[in-house]
Amino acid sequence: MVIKNKIKLPKKISQNQLENYFTKLGLKNLVNQSKKRDQRVNEIITSNVYKPELYDLYRISELIKLNKRTTVLEFGSGWSSLIISIALMENKKKYSKEIKKLRRNNPFEIFSVDNEKKYFSITKKRIKNFFRGKEKSKFYKNNIHISHSECKMSEINGFYATTYKKIPLCNPDFIYLDGPDQFKVKGVINNFTTAHMDMMPMVSDILRIEFYLTPGTIILSDGRGANVDFLKKNFKRKWLYQYDKYSDQHLFYLDAPILGEYNKKQLEFYKKI
């Protein structure tokens, strides 16, 4: 079965449409930031500073809204954290009554974890500045959780990987993989570490919580092809997979058997127009 039969995929739009999309959200600054000069590969890797990619952010936002996601776990933080927060706020306005019938104890909440204090602080400040005003500030206080955690080298099934010391306690129906900073990972195993220019990120945390995830869960990875391959080869449940070459994003859908009545209602909620 192809993934598009399970997930509503965003349509491609032009550059002008992308800029208008974010301008209408009140994010003209984001549009301006996206127009900065292109960065060299080594400059991006060593600084871990990325200019925002509008199409990637648009796709994240639309996947959350089109597929009526309720709880997001994000590895890494940045502009995506703000975009996810806005999308969840829009979903809350539309579906807050319906969600009361489901087993979702963190409805319309984002849990973001970052191992880099500098960018964790920038993200928190950026989100706080956006969510001003009575209604927005209430959403910011109750629904947005940005945390810091160290990340260390570990072994999973005999393979070297990385593991966060502490991940947020939630059961997400949408996971966004865009962290950690591989050069800020703690520890060395047999002289091996990801903190090397020729290595790459290798997050293992999703494998540790795989059996707690409910059927219908979506995982989106921004690039990180090696890490995605690692996940694919170590997942134990049935996942549908698709790669979007244009955005360099990887998409998973948990197509496992329904767990029970609550999960059945959850899947029906996603499908209902």
Foldseek 3Di string as FASTA:
>chain_A
DACVVQFPFDDDDDPVVLCVVVVVVVPNVLVVQLPDDDDDPVVCLVVVDDRDDSVVLVRLLCRCQLQLWFEEEEEAADVSLLSLLVSLVVSCVVCVVVCVVFPAPQGSAYFYEEADPVRLVVRLVVNCVSQDDDVSVVCCVRHYHGYYFAKAWDADPRHIAIETPDGDPGATLEYEYDDDSQLRHDDDDPNDGQNDPPHFHAYDVCQVCVVVHFAFRKYKYQARVVNVVVCVVRHDADWHWDADPVRNMIMIGGHHDGPDDNSVSVSVVSPDD
